[in-house]
Amino acid sequence: MLPLGPNPIIYYVLSHLVKSGFQDIIIIPGYLKDQIMGYVGTGSKFGVGITHVVEPDGVTFGTAGSLKLASHLLDDTFMVVQSDVISEIPLQEMAHFHSNHGGEVSIALTTVEDPSSYGVAVLDKHDEIVKFVEKPPAGTAQSNLVSTGFYILEPEVVDYIENERWDFAKDLFPYLMRLGQHLFGYASDAFWVDVGELKGYLSGVNWVLRNLVKEPPRDARMIGDPGEGVFARGDVTIGRRAEIRGPAWVENGASLGDDVQIRPGTVLKENAQLLAGTSFESGIVFERAVIGNNCSVKSTIIGERAIVGNDVSIDRAIIGQGCNIGERAKILPGSKLWPNTKVQAGTTVDGVIAVPQDKSFYFDTGLGQYSGVLASSIEEFLGALKIVPLEALEYHIGRRDFEKWTKDVLGSVLLADNIRTLRRSQLKGEDLRLQLIEVVQEWAQRVSSLQPSPNEEKNTEKPVTNV
């Protein structure tokens, strides 16, 4: 549901399916399921039919495992679309490719410079996948062709899914290959971006903004120089000598002070304020956020209701909702401030600041027995896992404290789910410590590559469409 300009990500995913001719769509919503179902409804506003299949509470489903919930609806060849990707991949052409090759699975592939964060496919001369490796270590990948999250499957493939926690790339695809099933790779150089990290998210925003010129929303108007492609919805306040260069999108109630400079790739949501002399280049300012005087902000997401003081510089960072950044602070590239974090005036931030002090995690070895170790950031949490007594780890995981803290304070449903899965394995002692560190470290590496918003995980809903 994270917005890319005027609309949330799922709007653009569904629009691509509709333009490609798909009429029957199944959505398996995970995180924010009520918001997702309320937004897309029955699909009437998209001109398609949408059926929702809801994951039951308390059960962790993988991307492939969730298909079991919809198996009764999948009686013909179908396409699976991961909903955190924006693409112009020609899906009908991919459907013809699948039909012509006669395999059980076809995976849309694209070329990237660094494949270590994706599922990597190696093809033979007939486009059959001879090897598929999920997230190989940097420098070890045998191919730069990676999965885009678009799959075409025959209905019998669902029968091979043995566990509801199975993922496509990590579990199902390697399993099918071991059984001798045929998987083919459809390589495409069409536009594609994973919006689940900051660079990709900003690329997705730029893609949306460039396309506004072709298909502007009905309730939007162009402001300023027609050649700039700056669109506004509702009433916008623009100060003297303010300059807006597009493509850009500005919403109702947004306010730009005197001498403000807006550069291409910028989105200002409702009631966002940029005070006098501030420069903002490529990024998004969410609702009711305020950026002070004479700030410099580049390639950054500013969360809802965040307050940025005067003379602050921010570069390639994520600022969570409700954060308060003091005057003259410097937020360096790759930094991430989780919701409601306060940065003192003149501070330089380099890395992840996870939580305010009053929401730190206090490690106990038993009821009322404080170990002397607390964590106020994800780095401190990882460090604590390595040194606290084993009694503390067993105590907190048994009480589900780790799950509650990661979900309620860090805002990560994904990490909480992964810890829940580990808890159910009933590991003890050093085995528990090692597995906890591995789970948290994997998540920390993911967020340090910068997701769209500090308060939202990547969308986990999986549109499934009949081919």
Protein backbone atom coordinates (compact mmCIF):
# COMPACT_ATOMS: atom_id res chain seq x y z
CA MET A 1 0.00 0.00 0.00
CA LEU A 2 3.03 2.30 -0.03
CA PRO A 3 2.38 5.09 -2.55
CA LEU A 4 4.31 5.67 -5.75
CA GLY A 5 3.12 9.16 -6.62
CA PRO A 6 -0.69 9.39 -6.76
CA ASN A 7 -1.42 5.70 -6.07
CA PRO A 8 -0.13 2.78 -3.97
CA ILE A 9 2.17 0.14 -5.43
CA ILE A 10 -0.60 -2.43 -5.85
CA TYR A 11 -2.47 -0.05 -8.18
CA TYR A 12 0.38 -0.19 -10.69
CA VAL A 13 0.75 -3.97 -10.34
CA LEU A 14 -2.95 -4.50 -11.04
CA SER A 15 -2.98 -1.91 -13.84
CA HIS A 16 -0.22 -3.81 -15.65
CA LEU A 17 -2.21 -7.04 -15.37
CA VAL A 18 -5.36 -5.35 -16.64
CA LYS A 19 -3.54 -3.79 -19.61
CA SER A 20 -2.10 -7.22 -20.39
CA GLY A 21 -5.61 -8.64 -20.73
CA PHE A 22 -6.07 -10.53 -17.46
CA GLN A 23 -9.63 -10.58 -16.15
CA ASP A 24 -9.69 -12.99 -13.19
CA ILE A 25 -7.34 -12.15 -10.33
CA ILE A 26 -6.86 -13.81 -6.95
CA ILE A 27 -5.12 -11.83 -4.21
CA ILE A 28 -3.61 -13.59 -1.21
CA PRO A 29 -3.04 -10.68 1.21
CA GLY A 30 -0.62 -10.88 4.09
CA TYR A 31 0.56 -7.73 5.84
CA LEU A 32 -2.01 -4.85 5.84
CA LYS A 33 -4.62 -7.24 4.50
CA ASP A 34 -7.57 -5.10 5.61
CA GLN A 35 -6.19 -2.03 3.84
CA ILE A 36 -5.43 -4.04 0.71
CA MET A 37 -8.86 -5.66 0.54
CA GLY A 38 -10.58 -2.35 1.23
CA TYR A 39 -8.62 -0.61 -1.51
CA VAL A 40 -8.99 -3.13 -4.35
CA GLY A 41 -12.43 -4.45 -3.35
CA THR A 42 -13.98 -6.77 -5.91
CA GLY A 43 -11.91 -5.26 -8.72
CA SER A 44 -14.77 -3.30 -10.28
CA LYS A 45 -12.79 -0.04 -10.38
CA PHE A 46 -10.08 -1.88 -12.31
CA GLY A 47 -12.56 -3.55 -14.64
CA VAL A 48 -11.67 -7.07 -13.48
CA GLY A 49 -12.92 -9.64 -11.02
CA ILE A 50 -10.85 -10.00 -7.83
CA THR A 51 -11.16 -12.81 -5.32
CA HIS A 52 -9.44 -12.54 -1.94
CA VAL A 53 -8.04 -15.64 -0.25
CA VAL A 54 -6.99 -14.71 3.28
CA GLU A 55 -4.20 -16.39 5.20
CA PRO A 56 -5.43 -17.58 8.63
CA ASP A 57 -4.06 -15.78 11.67
CA GLY A 58 -1.19 -17.42 13.49
CA VAL A 59 0.16 -19.36 10.51
CA THR A 60 3.27 -18.26 8.62
CA PHE A 61 2.95 -18.87 4.87
CA GLY A 62 5.71 -18.68 2.31
CA THR A 63 5.25 -17.18 -1.13
CA ALA A 64 4.66 -20.62 -2.64
CA GLY A 65 2.96 -22.18 0.38
CA SER A 66 0.17 -19.62 0.25
CA LEU A 67 -0.92 -21.00 -3.12
CA LYS A 68 -2.31 -24.01 -1.27
CA LEU A 69 -5.02 -21.71 0.09
CA ALA A 70 -6.17 -20.96 -3.46
CA SER A 71 -5.65 -24.41 -4.97
CA HIS A 72 -9.39 -24.96 -5.41
CA LEU A 73 -9.47 -21.92 -7.72
CA LEU A 74 -6.44 -22.89 -9.82
CA ASP A 75 -7.70 -25.39 -12.35
CA ASP A 76 -5.97 -23.92 -15.40
CA THR A 77 -2.58 -22.43 -16.30
CA PHE A 78 -2.05 -19.34 -14.13
CA MET A 79 0.42 -16.53 -13.50
CA VAL A 80 1.81 -15.52 -10.12
CA VAL A 81 2.92 -11.92 -9.58
CA GLN A 82 4.85 -10.73 -6.56
CA SER A 83 3.36 -7.38 -5.65
CA ASP A 84 6.51 -5.44 -4.79
CA VAL A 85 7.70 -5.14 -8.39
CA ILE A 86 6.83 -2.57 -11.04
CA SER A 87 7.25 -3.73 -14.60
CA GLU A 88 6.48 -3.37 -18.28
CA ILE A 89 7.31 -7.01 -19.02
CA PRO A 90 5.03 -8.12 -21.93
CA LEU A 91 2.97 -10.71 -20.07
CA GLN A 92 0.99 -11.96 -23.06
CA GLU A 93 4.26 -12.58 -24.88
CA MET A 94 5.44 -14.48 -21.83
CA ALA A 95 2.24 -16.55 -21.90
CA HIS A 96 2.93 -17.50 -25.53
CA PHE A 97 6.49 -18.42 -24.56
CA HIS A 98 5.18 -20.72 -21.82
CA SER A 99 2.69 -22.38 -24.15
CA ASN A 100 5.29 -22.94 -26.87
CA HIS A 101 7.87 -24.47 -24.53
CA GLY A 102 5.45 -26.82 -22.78
CA GLY A 103 7.10 -26.76 -19.37
CA GLU A 104 5.55 -26.86 -15.91
CA VAL A 105 6.93 -23.45 -14.97
CA SER A 106 8.11 -20.34 -16.81
CA ILE A 107 9.94 -17.60 -14.92
CA ALA A 108 10.35 -14.08 -16.26
CA LEU A 109 14.00 -13.07 -15.99
CA THR A 110 15.90 -9.83 -16.29
CA THR A 111 19.57 -8.84 -16.17
CA VAL A 112 21.01 -6.98 -13.17
CA GLU A 113 24.52 -5.87 -12.27
CA ASP A 114 24.54 -7.50 -8.82
CA PRO A 115 22.45 -10.69 -8.69
CA SER A 116 23.32 -11.54 -5.08
CA SER A 117 19.98 -10.25 -3.76
CA TYR A 118 17.82 -12.28 -6.15
CA GLY A 119 17.04 -15.76 -7.40
CA VAL A 120 19.59 -16.45 -10.15
CA ALA A 121 18.84 -18.68 -13.15
CA VAL A 122 21.26 -20.39 -15.54
CA LEU A 123 19.75 -21.27 -18.94
CA ASP A 124 20.73 -23.74 -21.63
CA LYS A 125 20.44 -23.02 -25.34
CA HIS A 126 16.76 -24.01 -25.29
CA ASP A 127 15.92 -21.50 -22.52
CA GLU A 128 15.48 -24.28 -19.98
CA ILE A 129 16.68 -23.48 -16.48
CA VAL A 130 19.50 -25.87 -15.59
CA LYS A 131 20.34 -24.22 -12.26
CA PHE A 132 18.47 -21.92 -9.91
CA VAL A 133 20.17 -20.40 -6.86
CA GLU A 134 18.45 -18.10 -4.38
CA LYS A 135 20.59 -15.11 -3.33
CA PRO A 136 24.07 -16.47 -4.06
CA PRO A 137 27.00 -14.85 -2.21
CA ALA A 138 28.38 -11.79 -3.98
CA GLY A 139 30.74 -12.71 -6.79
CA THR A 140 29.66 -16.37 -7.00
CA ALA A 141 26.64 -16.15 -9.32
CA GLN A 142 27.00 -18.06 -12.59
CA SER A 143 24.55 -15.75 -14.34
CA ASN A 144 23.23 -12.19 -14.18
CA LEU A 145 19.72 -13.35 -15.09
CA VAL A 146 17.47 -13.03 -12.06
CA SER A 147 13.86 -13.79 -11.29
CA THR A 148 11.48 -10.86 -11.60
CA GLY A 149 8.70 -12.34 -9.48
CA PHE A 150 6.51 -13.18 -12.51
CA TYR A 151 5.83 -16.92 -12.84
CA ILE A 152 3.53 -18.97 -15.06
CA LEU A 153 2.61 -22.33 -13.57
CA GLU A 154 0.58 -25.34 -14.55
CA PRO A 155 -2.06 -26.15 -11.92
CA GLU A 156 -0.49 -29.50 -10.97
CA VAL A 157 2.59 -27.65 -9.69
CA VAL A 158 0.59 -26.68 -6.60
CA ASP A 159 0.44 -30.36 -5.66
CA TYR A 160 4.22 -30.42 -5.23
CA ILE A 161 4.15 -27.78 -2.47
CA GLU A 162 4.77 -29.84 0.66
CA ASN A 163 4.89 -27.13 3.31
CA GLU A 164 2.93 -23.90 3.83
CA ARG A 165 6.22 -22.10 4.61
CA TRP A 166 7.73 -22.92 1.21
CA ASP A 167 8.98 -20.08 -0.98
CA PHE A 168 9.18 -20.23 -4.75
CA ALA A 169 12.89 -19.60 -5.25
CA LYS A 170 14.23 -21.21 -2.09
CA ASP A 171 12.07 -24.32 -1.97
CA LEU A 172 9.64 -25.04 -4.81
CA PHE A 173 11.76 -24.37 -7.89
CA PRO A 174 14.83 -26.36 -6.74
CA TYR A 175 12.53 -29.19 -5.67
CA LEU A 176 10.82 -29.35 -9.07
CA MET A 177 14.21 -29.41 -10.80
CA ARG A 178 15.39 -32.29 -8.60
CA LEU A 179 12.29 -34.19 -9.67
CA GLY A 180 13.11 -33.64 -13.34
CA GLN A 181 10.31 -31.17 -14.04
CA HIS A 182 10.91 -28.59 -16.77
CA LEU A 183 11.37 -24.93 -15.84
CA PHE A 184 12.01 -22.34 -18.54
CA GLY A 185 13.33 -18.80 -18.34
CA TYR A 186 11.70 -15.99 -20.30
CA ALA A 187 14.37 -13.27 -20.53
CA SER A 188 13.14 -9.70 -21.01
CA ASP A 189 14.88 -6.34 -21.13
CA ALA A 190 11.63 -4.45 -20.46
CA PHE A 191 11.49 -2.01 -17.55
CA TRP A 192 11.43 -3.82 -14.21
CA VAL A 193 12.26 -2.70 -10.70
CA ASP A 194 12.01 -4.20 -7.23
CA VAL A 195 10.56 -1.40 -5.11
CA GLY A 196 11.47 -3.22 -1.89
CA GLU A 197 14.67 -1.21 -1.44
CA LEU A 198 15.33 2.52 -1.54
CA LYS A 199 17.07 2.74 -4.92
CA GLY A 200 14.38 0.60 -6.56
CA TYR A 201 11.59 2.49 -4.84
CA LEU A 202 12.88 5.83 -6.10
CA SER A 203 13.27 4.33 -9.57
CA GLY A 204 9.63 3.22 -9.36
CA VAL A 205 8.59 6.73 -8.32
CA ASN A 206 10.42 8.18 -11.31
CA TRP A 207 8.74 5.68 -13.63
CA VAL A 208 5.31 6.67 -12.32
CA LEU A 209 6.04 10.38 -12.58
CA ARG A 210 7.31 10.11 -16.16
CA ASN A 211 4.12 8.29 -17.12
CA LEU A 212 1.89 10.96 -15.60
CA VAL A 213 2.36 13.01 -18.76
CA LYS A 214 0.80 10.18 -20.78
CA GLU A 215 -1.98 9.35 -18.32
CA PRO A 216 -2.52 12.14 -15.75
CA PRO A 217 -5.14 11.48 -13.06
CA ARG A 218 -8.48 13.07 -13.87
CA ASP A 219 -8.45 15.23 -10.75
CA ALA A 220 -4.90 16.54 -11.33
CA ARG A 221 -3.72 19.67 -13.06
CA MET A 222 -0.36 20.71 -14.42
CA ILE A 223 1.32 23.62 -12.67
CA GLY A 224 4.22 25.81 -13.73
CA ASP A 225 6.01 25.30 -17.04
CA PRO A 226 4.05 22.75 -19.15
CA GLY A 227 7.34 21.26 -20.26
CA GLU A 228 8.32 20.30 -16.71
CA GLY A 229 5.57 17.77 -16.06
CA VAL A 230 4.66 18.98 -12.56
CA PHE A 231 1.20 17.82 -11.50
CA ALA A 232 -0.85 18.90 -8.50
CA ARG A 233 -4.04 17.68 -6.86
CA GLY A 234 -6.01 20.22 -4.82
CA ASP A 235 -4.76 23.49 -3.36
CA VAL A 236 -1.00 23.99 -3.16
CA THR A 237 0.87 26.97 -1.64
CA ILE A 238 4.00 28.06 -3.51
CA GLY A 239 6.20 30.82 -2.10
CA ARG A 240 8.09 33.56 -3.90
CA ARG A 241 10.92 32.48 -6.17
CA ALA A 242 10.18 28.83 -5.45
CA GLU A 243 11.21 26.58 -8.32
CA ILE A 244 9.70 23.18 -9.17
CA ARG A 245 11.27 21.01 -11.83
CA GLY A 246 9.50 17.85 -12.91
CA PRO A 247 8.51 15.25 -13.21
CA ALA A 248 6.95 15.82 -9.81
CA TRP A 249 3.67 15.24 -7.95
CA VAL A 250 2.23 17.60 -5.30
CA GLU A 251 -0.91 16.94 -3.26
CA ASN A 252 -3.55 19.05 -1.54
CA GLY A 253 -2.36 21.27 1.28
CA ALA A 254 1.33 20.98 0.44
CA SER A 255 3.27 24.17 1.12
CA LEU A 256 6.55 25.41 -0.39
CA GLY A 257 8.21 28.38 1.23
CA ASP A 258 10.15 31.18 -0.43
CA ASP A 259 13.17 30.11 -2.51
CA VAL A 260 12.38 26.40 -2.16
CA GLN A 261 13.82 24.24 -4.93
CA ILE A 262 12.12 21.01 -5.98
CA ARG A 263 14.08 18.78 -8.35
CA PRO A 264 12.90 15.90 -10.60
CA GLY A 265 11.53 12.74 -9.05
CA THR A 266 9.87 14.41 -6.07
CA VAL A 267 6.50 13.56 -4.48
CA LEU A 268 4.90 15.76 -1.82
CA LYS A 269 1.93 14.15 -0.09
CA GLU A 270 -0.97 16.01 1.57
CA ASN A 271 -0.04 18.89 3.90
CA ALA A 272 3.68 18.34 3.54
CA GLN A 273 5.67 21.52 4.26
CA LEU A 274 9.04 22.64 2.95
CA LEU A 275 10.16 25.87 4.57
CA ALA A 276 12.14 28.70 3.00
CA GLY A 277 15.39 27.99 1.22
CA THR A 278 15.14 24.22 1.31
CA SER A 279 16.21 22.04 -1.62
CA PHE A 280 14.60 18.62 -2.18
CA GLU A 281 15.75 16.29 -4.95
CA SER A 282 14.25 12.89 -5.78
CA GLY A 283 12.21 11.35 -3.00
CA ILE A 284 8.94 11.53 -1.17
CA VAL A 285 7.66 13.63 1.73
CA PHE A 286 4.71 11.98 3.42
CA GLU A 287 1.60 13.54 4.92
CA ARG A 288 2.05 16.37 7.44
CA ALA A 289 5.83 16.12 7.48
CA VAL A 290 7.71 19.41 7.91
CA ILE A 291 11.19 20.16 6.57
CA GLY A 292 12.76 23.29 8.05
CA ASN A 293 14.56 26.24 6.54
CA ASN A 294 17.65 25.89 4.36
CA CYS A 295 17.76 22.09 4.36
CA SER A 296 19.28 19.92 1.66
CA VAL A 297 17.52 16.59 1.06
CA LYS A 298 18.42 14.10 -1.70
CA SER A 299 17.09 10.65 -2.64
CA THR A 300 15.25 10.28 0.67
CA ILE A 301 11.93 9.18 2.11
CA ILE A 302 10.53 11.44 4.84
CA GLY A 303 7.87 9.65 6.88
CA GLU A 304 4.47 10.93 7.92
CA ARG A 305 4.50 13.71 10.58
CA ALA A 306 8.30 13.77 10.72
CA ILE A 307 9.84 17.10 11.69
CA VAL A 308 13.20 18.12 10.25
CA GLY A 309 14.88 21.16 11.83
CA ASN A 310 16.65 24.00 10.06
CA ASP A 311 19.95 23.58 8.18
CA VAL A 312 19.75 19.78 8.10
CA SER A 313 21.34 17.73 5.31
CA ILE A 314 19.99 14.28 4.40
CA ASP A 315 21.30 12.07 1.61
CA ARG A 316 19.94 8.68 0.50
CA ALA A 317 18.20 7.86 3.76
CA ILE A 318 14.87 6.79 5.20
CA ILE A 319 13.29 8.89 7.94
CA GLY A 320 10.49 7.11 9.78
CA GLN A 321 7.15 8.56 10.66
CA GLY A 322 7.09 10.89 13.63
CA CYS A 323 10.88 11.34 13.74
CA ASN A 324 12.26 14.61 15.06
CA ILE A 325 15.62 15.74 13.65
CA GLY A 326 17.34 18.64 15.36
CA GLU A 327 18.90 21.63 13.64
CA ARG A 328 22.19 21.24 11.75
CA ALA A 329 22.04 17.45 11.90
CA LYS A 330 23.61 15.42 9.10
CA ILE A 331 22.02 12.15 7.99
CA LEU A 332 24.57 10.27 5.89
CA PRO A 333 23.88 7.87 2.97
CA GLY A 334 22.43 4.51 3.96
CA SER A 335 21.04 5.75 7.26
CA LYS A 336 17.62 4.71 8.49
CA LEU A 337 15.65 6.25 11.35
CA TRP A 338 12.83 4.12 12.63
CA PRO A 339 9.53 5.72 13.69
CA ASN A 340 9.50 8.36 16.45
CA THR A 341 13.28 8.53 16.74
CA LYS A 342 14.75 11.82 17.97
CA VAL A 343 18.09 13.11 16.65
CA GLN A 344 19.74 15.82 18.71
CA ALA A 345 20.84 19.10 17.11
CA GLY A 346 24.22 18.97 15.41
CA THR A 347 24.34 15.15 15.41
CA THR A 348 25.77 13.16 12.50
CA VAL A 349 23.91 9.90 11.84
CA ASP A 350 25.62 7.11 9.93
CA GLY A 351 23.68 3.86 10.01
CA VAL A 352 20.44 2.63 11.54
CA ILE A 353 18.81 4.31 14.51
CA ALA A 354 16.05 1.95 15.42
CA VAL A 355 14.08 3.10 18.44
CA PRO A 356 13.86 5.85 21.04
CA GLN A 357 15.38 5.06 24.43
CA ASP A 358 12.06 4.45 26.16
CA LYS A 359 11.33 1.56 23.77
CA SER A 360 14.66 -0.20 24.12
CA PHE A 361 14.73 -3.96 24.66
CA TYR A 362 15.84 -4.89 28.17
CA PHE A 363 17.33 -8.39 28.44
CA ASP A 364 16.30 -10.30 31.56
CA THR A 365 17.38 -13.75 32.69
CA GLY A 366 14.12 -14.31 34.51
CA LEU A 367 11.16 -12.43 35.88
CA GLY A 368 12.51 -9.13 37.24
CA GLN A 369 16.14 -10.22 36.78
CA TYR A 370 17.78 -7.61 34.53
CA SER A 371 20.94 -8.81 32.79
CA GLY A 372 22.39 -5.31 32.44
CA VAL A 373 22.11 -5.41 28.64
CA LEU A 374 19.67 -3.35 26.58
CA ALA A 375 19.27 -2.64 22.87
CA SER A 376 18.17 0.66 21.32
CA SER A 377 19.01 -0.19 17.73
CA ILE A 378 19.13 -3.25 15.53
CA GLU A 379 22.94 -3.23 15.74
CA GLU A 380 22.76 -3.21 19.54
CA PHE A 381 20.13 -5.98 19.43
CA LEU A 382 22.42 -8.13 17.29
CA GLY A 383 25.37 -7.41 19.56
CA ALA A 384 23.32 -8.31 22.63
CA LEU A 385 22.26 -11.64 21.16
CA LYS A 386 25.93 -12.57 20.94
CA ILE A 387 26.80 -11.82 24.58
CA VAL A 388 23.76 -12.14 26.86
CA PRO A 389 23.44 -15.29 28.97
CA LEU A 390 21.64 -18.19 27.33
CA GLU A 391 19.06 -17.97 30.11
CA ALA A 392 18.04 -14.57 28.75
CA LEU A 393 17.56 -15.85 25.21
CA GLU A 394 15.52 -18.85 26.35
CA TYR A 395 13.49 -16.70 28.74
CA HIS A 396 12.53 -14.06 26.16
CA ILE A 397 11.88 -16.37 23.25
CA GLY A 398 9.66 -18.53 25.45
CA ARG A 399 7.62 -15.47 26.44
CA ARG A 400 7.46 -14.28 22.80
CA ASP A 401 9.13 -11.02 23.86
CA PHE A 402 11.39 -10.90 20.80
CA GLU A 403 8.39 -11.27 18.50
CA LYS A 404 6.43 -8.53 20.25
CA TRP A 405 9.35 -6.08 20.24
CA THR A 406 10.29 -6.59 16.61
CA LYS A 407 6.68 -6.23 15.51
CA ASP A 408 5.46 -3.44 17.80
CA VAL A 409 8.64 -1.35 18.11
CA LEU A 410 10.67 -2.06 14.99
CA GLY A 411 7.48 -2.37 12.97
CA SER A 412 8.69 -5.56 11.29
CA VAL A 413 6.05 -8.24 10.87
CA LEU A 414 8.49 -10.20 8.71
CA LEU A 415 11.17 -10.42 11.40
CA ALA A 416 8.57 -11.27 14.03
CA ASP A 417 7.26 -14.10 11.84
CA ASN A 418 10.77 -15.45 11.30
CA ILE A 419 11.46 -15.43 15.04
CA ARG A 420 8.12 -17.12 15.66
CA THR A 421 9.12 -19.90 13.27
CA LEU A 422 12.41 -20.27 15.14
CA ARG A 423 10.61 -20.39 18.49
CA ARG A 424 8.46 -23.25 17.26
CA SER A 425 11.58 -25.24 16.43
CA GLN A 426 12.21 -25.37 20.22
CA LEU A 427 15.96 -24.92 19.93
CA LYS A 428 17.91 -24.41 23.14
CA GLY A 429 21.35 -23.21 24.21
CA GLU A 430 23.99 -22.16 21.71
CA ASP A 431 21.95 -23.57 18.81
CA LEU A 432 19.22 -21.09 19.68
CA ARG A 433 21.74 -18.25 19.92
CA LEU A 434 23.27 -19.03 16.51
CA GLN A 435 19.91 -19.32 14.79
CA LEU A 436 18.60 -16.12 16.38
CA ILE A 437 21.68 -14.22 15.23
CA GLU A 438 21.32 -15.62 11.72
CA VAL A 439 17.63 -14.67 11.46
CA VAL A 440 18.15 -11.14 12.78
CA GLN A 441 21.31 -10.61 10.74
CA GLU A 442 19.58 -11.62 7.50
CA TRP A 443 16.77 -9.17 8.23
CA ALA A 444 19.20 -6.40 9.23
CA GLN A 445 21.07 -6.80 5.95
CA ARG A 446 17.79 -6.50 4.11
CA VAL A 447 16.73 -3.30 5.83
CA SER A 448 20.18 -1.80 5.50
CA SER A 449 19.68 -2.12 1.73
CA LEU A 450 16.75 0.18 2.53
CA GLN A 451 13.14 -0.73 2.17
CA PRO A 452 10.47 1.75 1.11
CA SER A 453 9.39 2.89 4.51
CA PRO A 454 10.65 2.37 8.04
CA ASN A 455 7.11 1.57 9.16
CA GLU A 456 6.13 -0.88 6.44
CA GLU A 457 7.47 -4.21 5.30
CA LYS A 458 7.51 -5.11 1.69
CA ASN A 459 3.99 -5.92 0.60
CA THR A 460 3.40 -9.65 0.81
CA GLU A 461 0.20 -9.89 -1.14
CA LYS A 462 0.48 -12.17 -4.14
CA PRO A 463 -1.82 -11.50 -7.09
CA VAL A 464 -2.53 -14.71 -8.99
CA THR A 465 -4.07 -14.44 -12.43
CA ASN A 466 -5.45 -16.96 -14.85
CA VAL A 467 -3.56 -17.12 -18.17
